[in-house]
Amino acid sequence: MRLLVLYRPNSEHSRMTEDFIKNYQRVNPQDSLEIIDVDSREGIATLSLYDVTDYPAILVLSSDGSAQNIWQGIQLPLIDEVAGYSRN
């Protein structure tokens, strides 16, 4: 499983997203989050590949790269909800 967090640093939503990342890593230290700037080359490609239109976005991907779940927008999911998907 891969956990991706796509967001724009230094935006109005960056603090909320960074708090989510910090809290997720504190509660689930065994999980690895990949943090991607939406303005980077990788970020633009990921947004396009998974049809992400709003951010911040959290993606749970299976080992073959298919999306298990995608959350988009400022209504971030619960930490336990993301962790549950990452354990399947």
PDB file of N, CA and C in Angstrom:
ATOM      1  N   MET A   1       0.830  -1.190   0.000  1.00  0.00           N
ATOM      2  CA  MET A   1       0.000   0.000   0.000  1.00  0.00           C
ATOM      3  C   MET A   1       0.869   1.247   0.000  1.00  0.00           C
ATOM      4  N   ARG A   2       0.417   2.228  -0.738  1.00  0.00           N
ATOM      5  CA  ARG A   2       1.068   3.540  -0.731  1.00  0.00           C
ATOM      6  C   ARG A   2       0.063   4.569  -0.264  1.00  0.00           C
ATOM      7  N   LEU A   3       0.521   5.472   0.578  1.00  0.00           N
ATOM      8  CA  LEU A   3      -0.307   6.580   1.044  1.00  0.00           C
ATOM      9  C   LEU A   3       0.296   7.874   0.528  1.00  0.00           C
ATOM     10  N   LEU A   4      -0.462   8.591  -0.279  1.00  0.00           N
ATOM     11  CA  LEU A   4       0.009   9.849  -0.852  1.00  0.00           C
ATOM     12  C   LEU A   4      -0.796  11.006  -0.286  1.00  0.00           C
ATOM     13  N   VAL A   5      -0.112  12.084   0.018  1.00  0.00           N
ATOM     14  CA  VAL A   5      -0.768  13.323   0.425  1.00  0.00           C
ATOM     15  C   VAL A   5      -0.338  14.379  -0.577  1.00  0.00           C
ATOM     16  N   LEU A   6      -1.304  14.912  -1.305  1.00  0.00           N
ATOM     17  CA  LEU A   6      -1.049  15.950  -2.307  1.00  0.00           C
ATOM     18  C   LEU A   6      -1.605  17.269  -1.777  1.00  0.00           C
ATOM     19  N   TYR A   7      -0.745  18.265  -1.705  1.00  0.00           N
ATOM     20  CA  TYR A   7      -1.215  19.575  -1.273  1.00  0.00           C
ATOM     21  C   TYR A   7      -0.248  20.644  -1.747  1.00  0.00           C
ATOM     22  N   ARG A   8      -0.676  21.889  -1.571  1.00  0.00           N
ATOM     23  CA  ARG A   8       0.161  23.023  -1.978  1.00  0.00           C
ATOM     24  C   ARG A   8       0.714  23.672  -0.708  1.00  0.00           C
ATOM     25  N   PRO A   9       2.027  23.529  -0.473  1.00  0.00           N
ATOM     26  CA  PRO A   9       2.629  24.226   0.672  1.00  0.00           C
ATOM     27  C   PRO A   9       2.422  25.735   0.540  1.00  0.00           C
ATOM     28  N   ASN A  10       2.398  26.408   1.652  1.00  0.00           N
ATOM     29  CA  ASN A  10       2.222  27.861   1.699  1.00  0.00           C
ATOM     30  C   ASN A  10       0.894  28.321   1.110  1.00  0.00           C
ATOM     31  N   SER A  11      -0.143  27.498   1.293  1.00  0.00           N
ATOM     32  CA  SER A  11      -1.493  27.884   0.886  1.00  0.00           C
ATOM     33  C   SER A  11      -2.340  28.027   2.145  1.00  0.00           C
ATOM     34  N   GLU A  12      -3.577  28.425   1.967  1.00  0.00           N
ATOM     35  CA  GLU A  12      -4.464  28.585   3.125  1.00  0.00           C
ATOM     36  C   GLU A  12      -4.793  27.252   3.798  1.00  0.00           C
ATOM     37  N   HIS A  13      -4.574  26.140   3.102  1.00  0.00           N
ATOM     38  CA  HIS A  13      -4.875  24.822   3.667  1.00  0.00           C
ATOM     39  C   HIS A  13      -3.629  24.061   4.104  1.00  0.00           C
ATOM     40  N   SER A  14      -2.465  24.679   3.973  1.00  0.00           N
ATOM     41  CA  SER A  14      -1.230  23.952   4.277  1.00  0.00           C
ATOM     42  C   SER A  14      -1.123  23.593   5.755  1.00  0.00           C
ATOM     43  N   ARG A  15      -1.489  24.502   6.634  1.00  0.00           N
ATOM     44  CA  ARG A  15      -1.377  24.232   8.080  1.00  0.00           C
ATOM     45  C   ARG A  15      -2.239  23.032   8.477  1.00  0.00           C
ATOM     46  N   MET A  16      -3.476  22.998   8.003  1.00  0.00           N
ATOM     47  CA  MET A  16      -4.392  21.909   8.306  1.00  0.00           C
ATOM     48  C   MET A  16      -3.837  20.583   7.772  1.00  0.00           C
ATOM     49  N   THR A  17      -3.308  20.600   6.570  1.00  0.00           N
ATOM     50  CA  THR A  17      -2.759  19.394   5.958  1.00  0.00           C
ATOM     51  C   THR A  17      -1.513  18.928   6.700  1.00  0.00           C
ATOM     52  N   GLU A  18      -0.645  19.852   7.039  1.00  0.00           N
ATOM     53  CA  GLU A  18       0.573  19.496   7.766  1.00  0.00           C
ATOM     54  C   GLU A  18       0.261  18.963   9.160  1.00  0.00           C
ATOM     55  N   ASP A  19      -0.776  19.493   9.805  1.00  0.00           N
ATOM     56  CA  ASP A  19      -1.216  18.960  11.103  1.00  0.00           C
ATOM     57  C   ASP A  19      -1.732  17.530  10.944  1.00  0.00           C
ATOM     58  N   PHE A  20      -2.497  17.275   9.871  1.00  0.00           N
ATOM     59  CA  PHE A  20      -2.985  15.918   9.606  1.00  0.00           C
ATOM     60  C   PHE A  20      -1.802  14.961   9.426  1.00  0.00           C
ATOM     61  N   ILE A  21      -0.812  15.369   8.640  1.00  0.00           N
ATOM     62  CA  ILE A  21       0.361  14.531   8.384  1.00  0.00           C
ATOM     63  C   ILE A  21       1.083  14.213   9.691  1.00  0.00           C
ATOM     64  N   LYS A  22       1.326  15.251  10.489  1.00  0.00           N
ATOM     65  CA  LYS A  22       2.041  15.067  11.749  1.00  0.00           C
ATOM     66  C   LYS A  22       1.263  14.128  12.682  1.00  0.00           C
ATOM     67  N   ASN A  23      -0.043  14.340  12.798  1.00  0.00           N
ATOM     68  CA  ASN A  23      -0.864  13.498  13.675  1.00  0.00           C
ATOM     69  C   ASN A  23      -0.963  12.065  13.155  1.00  0.00           C
ATOM     70  N   TYR A  24      -1.075  11.909  11.844  1.00  0.00           N
ATOM     71  CA  TYR A  24      -1.142  10.562  11.274  1.00  0.00           C
ATOM     72  C   TYR A  24       0.149   9.804  11.567  1.00  0.00           C
ATOM     73  N   GLN A  25       1.270  10.441  11.362  1.00  0.00           N
ATOM     74  CA  GLN A  25       2.554   9.775  11.593  1.00  0.00           C
ATOM     75  C   GLN A  25       2.784   9.475  13.072  1.00  0.00           C
ATOM     76  N   ARG A  26       2.251  10.312  13.954  1.00  0.00           N
ATOM     77  CA  ARG A  26       2.372  10.063  15.394  1.00  0.00           C
ATOM     78  C   ARG A  26       1.569   8.834  15.800  1.00  0.00           C
ATOM     79  N   VAL A  27       0.354   8.705  15.270  1.00  0.00           N
ATOM     80  CA  VAL A  27      -0.533   7.597  15.620  1.00  0.00           C
ATOM     81  C   VAL A  27      -0.153   6.313  14.878  1.00  0.00           C
ATOM     82  N   ASN A  28       0.347   6.427  13.669  1.00  0.00           N
ATOM     83  CA  ASN A  28       0.670   5.273  12.819  1.00  0.00           C
ATOM     84  C   ASN A  28       2.127   5.345  12.349  1.00  0.00           C
ATOM     85  N   PRO A  29       3.079   5.209  13.265  1.00  0.00           N
ATOM     86  CA  PRO A  29       4.490   5.366  12.870  1.00  0.00           C
ATOM     87  C   PRO A  29       4.980   4.288  11.899  1.00  0.00           C
ATOM     88  N   GLN A  30       4.262   3.176  11.808  1.00  0.00           N
ATOM     89  CA  GLN A  30       4.658   2.098  10.897  1.00  0.00           C
ATOM     90  C   GLN A  30       4.305   2.413   9.447  1.00  0.00           C
ATOM     91  N   ASP A  31       3.425   3.372   9.220  1.00  0.00           N
ATOM     92  CA  ASP A  31       3.017   3.748   7.866  1.00  0.00           C
ATOM     93  C   ASP A  31       3.922   4.849   7.331  1.00  0.00           C
ATOM     94  N   SER A  32       4.127   4.828   6.040  1.00  0.00           N
ATOM     95  CA  SER A  32       4.927   5.845   5.380  1.00  0.00           C
ATOM     96  C   SER A  32       4.023   6.683   4.483  1.00  0.00           C
ATOM     97  N   LEU A  33       4.005   7.976   4.720  1.00  0.00           N
ATOM     98  CA  LEU A  33       3.240   8.893   3.877  1.00  0.00           C
ATOM     99  C   LEU A  33       4.176   9.526   2.857  1.00  0.00           C
ATOM    100  N   GLU A  34       3.743   9.557   1.611  1.00  0.00           N
ATOM    101  CA  GLU A  34       4.485  10.258   0.571  1.00  0.00           C
ATOM    102  C   GLU A  34       3.838  11.629   0.406  1.00  0.00           C
ATOM    103  N   ILE A  35       4.588  12.660   0.690  1.00  0.00           N
ATOM    104  CA  ILE A  35       4.079  14.020   0.618  1.00  0.00           C
ATOM    105  C   ILE A  35       4.501  14.607  -0.733  1.00  0.00           C
ATOM    106  N   ILE A  36       3.503  15.092  -1.490  1.00  0.00           N
ATOM    107  CA  ILE A  36       3.777  15.579  -2.846  1.00  0.00           C
ATOM    108  C   ILE A  36       3.188  16.982  -3.012  1.00  0.00           C
ATOM    109  N   ASP A  37       4.010  17.898  -3.465  1.00  0.00           N
ATOM    110  CA  ASP A  37       3.588  19.263  -3.786  1.00  0.00           C
ATOM    111  C   ASP A  37       2.831  19.209  -5.117  1.00  0.00           C
ATOM    112  N   VAL A  38       1.605  19.734  -5.136  1.00  0.00           N
ATOM    113  CA  VAL A  38       0.794  19.667  -6.353  1.00  0.00           C
ATOM    114  C   VAL A  38       1.381  20.488  -7.500  1.00  0.00           C
ATOM    115  N   ASP A  39       2.294  21.401  -7.196  1.00  0.00           N
ATOM    116  CA  ASP A  39       2.899  22.215  -8.239  1.00  0.00           C
ATOM    117  C   ASP A  39       4.178  21.601  -8.805  1.00  0.00           C
ATOM    118  N   SER A  40       4.622  20.477  -8.235  1.00  0.00           N
ATOM    119  CA  SER A  40       5.819  19.809  -8.750  1.00  0.00           C
ATOM    120  C   SER A  40       5.449  18.981  -9.978  1.00  0.00           C
ATOM    121  N   ARG A  41       6.453  18.554 -10.713  1.00  0.00           N
ATOM    122  CA  ARG A  41       6.223  17.706 -11.889  1.00  0.00           C
ATOM    123  C   ARG A  41       5.505  16.417 -11.475  1.00  0.00           C
ATOM    124  N   GLU A  42       5.978  15.802 -10.385  1.00  0.00           N
ATOM    125  CA  GLU A  42       5.341  14.578  -9.890  1.00  0.00           C
ATOM    126  C   GLU A  42       3.906  14.850  -9.446  1.00  0.00           C
ATOM    127  N   GLY A  43       3.684  15.990  -8.795  1.00  0.00           N
ATOM    128  CA  GLY A  43       2.345  16.348  -8.337  1.00  0.00           C
ATOM    129  C   GLY A  43       1.369  16.524  -9.485  1.00  0.00           C
ATOM    130  N   ILE A  44       1.783  17.226 -10.508  1.00  0.00           N
ATOM    131  CA  ILE A  44       0.929  17.454 -11.682  1.00  0.00           C
ATOM    132  C   ILE A  44       0.590  16.125 -12.349  1.00  0.00           C
ATOM    133  N   ALA A  45       1.589  15.249 -12.481  1.00  0.00           N
ATOM    134  CA  ALA A  45       1.350  13.941 -13.100  1.00  0.00           C
ATOM    135  C   ALA A  45       0.401  13.097 -12.263  1.00  0.00           C
ATOM    136  N   THR A  46       0.554  13.133 -10.936  1.00  0.00           N
ATOM    137  CA  THR A  46      -0.311  12.342 -10.051  1.00  0.00           C
ATOM    138  C   THR A  46      -1.742  12.869 -10.077  1.00  0.00           C
ATOM    139  N   LEU A  47      -1.895  14.191 -10.055  1.00  0.00           N
ATOM    140  CA  LEU A  47      -3.236  14.779 -10.156  1.00  0.00           C
ATOM    141  C   LEU A  47      -3.935  14.311 -11.419  1.00  0.00           C
ATOM    142  N   SER A  48      -3.225  14.322 -12.520  1.00  0.00           N
ATOM    143  CA  SER A  48      -3.789  13.915 -13.802  1.00  0.00           C
ATOM    144  C   SER A  48      -4.096  12.419 -13.840  1.00  0.00           C
ATOM    145  N   LEU A  49      -3.165  11.620 -13.377  1.00  0.00           N
ATOM    146  CA  LEU A  49      -3.318  10.161 -13.424  1.00  0.00           C
ATOM    147  C   LEU A  49      -4.532   9.678 -12.649  1.00  0.00           C
ATOM    148  N   TYR A  50      -4.765  10.261 -11.466  1.00  0.00           N
ATOM    149  CA  TYR A  50      -5.871   9.816 -10.610  1.00  0.00           C
ATOM    150  C   TYR A  50      -7.072  10.748 -10.668  1.00  0.00           C
ATOM    151  N   ASP A  51      -7.075  11.676 -11.618  1.00  0.00           N
ATOM    152  CA  ASP A  51      -8.194  12.589 -11.832  1.00  0.00           C
ATOM    153  C   ASP A  51      -8.557  13.367 -10.571  1.00  0.00           C
ATOM    154  N   VAL A  52      -7.546  13.827  -9.863  1.00  0.00           N
ATOM    155  CA  VAL A  52      -7.756  14.630  -8.655  1.00  0.00           C
ATOM    156  C   VAL A  52      -7.979  16.068  -9.091  1.00  0.00           C
ATOM    157  N   THR A  53      -9.091  16.638  -8.647  1.00  0.00           N
ATOM    158  CA  THR A  53      -9.446  17.997  -9.054  1.00  0.00           C
ATOM    159  C   THR A  53      -9.432  18.996  -7.908  1.00  0.00           C
ATOM    160  N   ASP A  54      -9.321  18.511  -6.678  1.00  0.00           N
ATOM    161  CA  ASP A  54      -9.337  19.391  -5.517  1.00  0.00           C
ATOM    162  C   ASP A  54      -8.284  18.915  -4.531  1.00  0.00           C
ATOM    163  N   TYR A  55      -7.711  19.823  -3.819  1.00  0.00           N
ATOM    164  CA  TYR A  55      -6.711  19.449  -2.833  1.00  0.00           C
ATOM    165  C   TYR A  55      -6.856  20.342  -1.620  1.00  0.00           C
ATOM    166  N   PRO A  56      -6.363  19.858  -0.510  1.00  0.00           N
ATOM    167  CA  PRO A  56      -5.506  18.688  -0.352  1.00  0.00           C
ATOM    168  C   PRO A  56      -6.229  17.415  -0.754  1.00  0.00           C
ATOM    169  N   ALA A  57      -5.441  16.418  -1.115  1.00  0.00           N
ATOM    170  CA  ALA A  57      -5.987  15.114  -1.482  1.00  0.00           C
ATOM    171  C   ALA A  57      -5.140  14.036  -0.816  1.00  0.00           C
ATOM    172  N   ILE A  58      -5.821  12.991  -0.360  1.00  0.00           N
ATOM    173  CA  ILE A  58      -5.152  11.839   0.232  1.00  0.00           C
ATOM    174  C   ILE A  58      -5.555  10.632  -0.589  1.00  0.00           C
ATOM    175  N   LEU A  59      -4.559   9.895  -1.055  1.00  0.00           N
ATOM    176  CA  LEU A  59      -4.800   8.722  -1.892  1.00  0.00           C
ATOM    177  C   LEU A  59      -4.239   7.486  -1.219  1.00  0.00           C
ATOM    178  N   VAL A  60      -5.009   6.424  -1.228  1.00  0.00           N
ATOM    179  CA  VAL A  60      -4.524   5.116  -0.790  1.00  0.00           C
ATOM    180  C   VAL A  60      -4.455   4.270  -2.053  1.00  0.00           C
ATOM    181  N   LEU A  61      -3.247   3.823  -2.386  1.00  0.00           N
ATOM    182  CA  LEU A  61      -3.028   3.051  -3.607  1.00  0.00           C
ATOM    183  C   LEU A  61      -2.607   1.631  -3.261  1.00  0.00           C
ATOM    184  N   SER A  62      -3.088   0.679  -4.044  1.00  0.00           N
ATOM    185  CA  SER A  62      -2.665  -0.707  -3.861  1.00  0.00           C
ATOM    186  C   SER A  62      -1.275  -0.879  -4.458  1.00  0.00           C
ATOM    187  N   SER A  63      -0.699  -2.046  -4.286  1.00  0.00           N
ATOM    188  CA  SER A  63       0.667  -2.284  -4.770  1.00  0.00           C
ATOM    189  C   SER A  63       0.770  -2.188  -6.296  1.00  0.00           C
ATOM    190  N   ASP A  64      -0.345  -2.392  -7.006  1.00  0.00           N
ATOM    191  CA  ASP A  64      -0.313  -2.269  -8.467  1.00  0.00           C
ATOM    192  C   ASP A  64      -0.599  -0.840  -8.944  1.00  0.00           C
ATOM    193  N   GLY A  65      -0.796   0.091  -7.993  1.00  0.00           N
ATOM    194  CA  GLY A  65      -1.005   1.491  -8.338  1.00  0.00           C
ATOM    195  C   GLY A  65      -2.450   1.902  -8.498  1.00  0.00           C
ATOM    196  N   SER A  66      -3.387   0.969  -8.345  1.00  0.00           N
ATOM    197  CA  SER A  66      -4.792   1.353  -8.465  1.00  0.00           C
ATOM    198  C   SER A  66      -5.260   2.017  -7.168  1.00  0.00           C
ATOM    199  N   ALA A  67      -6.154   2.982  -7.323  1.00  0.00           N
ATOM    200  CA  ALA A  67      -6.645   3.741  -6.175  1.00  0.00           C
ATOM    201  C   ALA A  67      -7.645   2.917  -5.375  1.00  0.00           C
ATOM    202  N   GLN A  68      -7.371   2.775  -4.084  1.00  0.00           N
ATOM    203  CA  GLN A  68      -8.309   2.117  -3.173  1.00  0.00           C
ATOM    204  C   GLN A  68      -9.324   3.129  -2.660  1.00  0.00           C
ATOM    205  N   ASN A  69      -8.862   4.332  -2.381  1.00  0.00           N
ATOM    206  CA  ASN A  69      -9.746   5.419  -1.972  1.00  0.00           C
ATOM    207  C   ASN A  69      -9.018   6.739  -2.175  1.00  0.00           C
ATOM    208  N   ILE A  70      -9.809   7.771  -2.450  1.00  0.00           N
ATOM    209  CA  ILE A  70      -9.276   9.116  -2.638  1.00  0.00           C
ATOM    210  C   ILE A  70     -10.176  10.086  -1.893  1.00  0.00           C
ATOM    211  N   TRP A  71      -9.578  10.906  -1.060  1.00  0.00           N
ATOM    212  CA  TRP A  71     -10.297  11.984  -0.384  1.00  0.00           C
ATOM    213  C   TRP A  71      -9.766  13.280  -0.952  1.00  0.00           C
ATOM    214  N   GLN A  72     -10.679  14.190  -1.308  1.00  0.00           N
ATOM    215  CA  GLN A  72     -10.287  15.459  -1.916  1.00  0.00           C
ATOM    216  C   GLN A  72     -10.959  16.615  -1.192  1.00  0.00           C
ATOM    217  N   GLY A  73     -10.242  17.708  -1.084  1.00  0.00           N
ATOM    218  CA  GLY A  73     -10.810  18.921  -0.524  1.00  0.00           C
ATOM    219  C   GLY A  73     -10.472  19.120   0.940  1.00  0.00           C
ATOM    220  N   ILE A  74     -10.966  20.220   1.474  1.00  0.00           N
ATOM    221  CA  ILE A  74     -10.584  20.616   2.825  1.00  0.00           C
ATOM    222  C   ILE A  74     -11.217  19.769   3.921  1.00  0.00           C
ATOM    223  N   GLN A  75     -12.208  18.969   3.595  1.00  0.00           N
ATOM    224  CA  GLN A  75     -12.801  18.059   4.577  1.00  0.00           C
ATOM    225  C   GLN A  75     -11.954  16.789   4.614  1.00  0.00           C
ATOM    226  N   LEU A  76     -10.863  16.839   5.374  1.00  0.00           N
ATOM    227  CA  LEU A  76      -9.953  15.700   5.447  1.00  0.00           C
ATOM    228  C   LEU A  76     -10.614  14.539   6.182  1.00  0.00           C
ATOM    229  N   PRO A  77     -10.244  13.317   5.830  1.00  0.00           N
ATOM    230  CA  PRO A  77     -10.819  12.145   6.495  1.00  0.00           C
ATOM    231  C   PRO A  77     -10.250  11.985   7.907  1.00  0.00           C
ATOM    232  N   LEU A  78     -10.873  11.107   8.670  1.00  0.00           N
ATOM    233  CA  LEU A  78     -10.340  10.767   9.981  1.00  0.00           C
ATOM    234  C   LEU A  78      -9.071   9.943   9.805  1.00  0.00           C
ATOM    235  N   ILE A  79      -8.152  10.086  10.724  1.00  0.00           N
ATOM    236  CA  ILE A  79      -6.905   9.333  10.671  1.00  0.00           C
ATOM    237  C   ILE A  79      -7.183   7.839  10.657  1.00  0.00           C
ATOM    238  N   ASP A  80      -8.111   7.384  11.492  1.00  0.00           N
ATOM    239  CA  ASP A  80      -8.440   5.956  11.556  1.00  0.00           C
ATOM    240  C   ASP A  80      -9.028   5.447  10.240  1.00  0.00           C
ATOM    241  N   GLU A  81      -9.762   6.297   9.544  1.00  0.00           N
ATOM    242  CA  GLU A  81     -10.337   5.895   8.259  1.00  0.00           C
ATOM    243  C   GLU A  81      -9.237   5.629   7.236  1.00  0.00           C
ATOM    244  N   VAL A  82      -8.265   6.520   7.163  1.00  0.00           N
ATOM    245  CA  VAL A  82      -7.149   6.324   6.233  1.00  0.00           C
ATOM    246  C   VAL A  82      -6.340   5.107   6.641  1.00  0.00           C
ATOM    247  N   ALA A  83      -6.069   4.958   7.916  1.00  0.00           N
ATOM    248  CA  ALA A  83      -5.298   3.825   8.416  1.00  0.00           C
ATOM    249  C   ALA A  83      -6.010   2.512   8.113  1.00  0.00           C
ATOM    250  N   GLY A  84      -7.332   2.496   8.213  1.00  0.00           N
ATOM    251  CA  GLY A  84      -8.109   1.299   7.899  1.00  0.00           C
ATOM    252  C   GLY A  84      -7.925   0.865   6.461  1.00  0.00           C
ATOM    253  N   TYR A  85      -7.930   1.800   5.534  1.00  0.00           N
ATOM    254  CA  TYR A  85      -7.719   1.476   4.120  1.00  0.00           C
ATOM    255  C   TYR A  85      -6.286   0.989   3.879  1.00  0.00           C
ATOM    256  N   SER A  86      -5.353   1.572   4.587  1.00  0.00           N
ATOM    257  CA  SER A  86      -3.956   1.206   4.371  1.00  0.00           C
ATOM    258  C   SER A  86      -3.634  -0.175   4.915  1.00  0.00           C
ATOM    259  N   ARG A  87      -4.485  -0.714   5.758  1.00  0.00           N
ATOM    260  CA  ARG A  87      -4.260  -2.033   6.338  1.00  0.00           C
ATOM    261  C   ARG A  87      -4.872  -3.160   5.506  1.00  0.00           C
ATOM    262  N   ASN A  88      -5.728  -2.815   4.552  1.00  0.00           N
ATOM    263  CA  ASN A  88      -6.395  -3.853   3.729  1.00  0.00           C
ATOM    264  C   ASN A  88      -5.498  -4.366   2.652  1.00  0.00           C
TER     265      ASN A  88
END
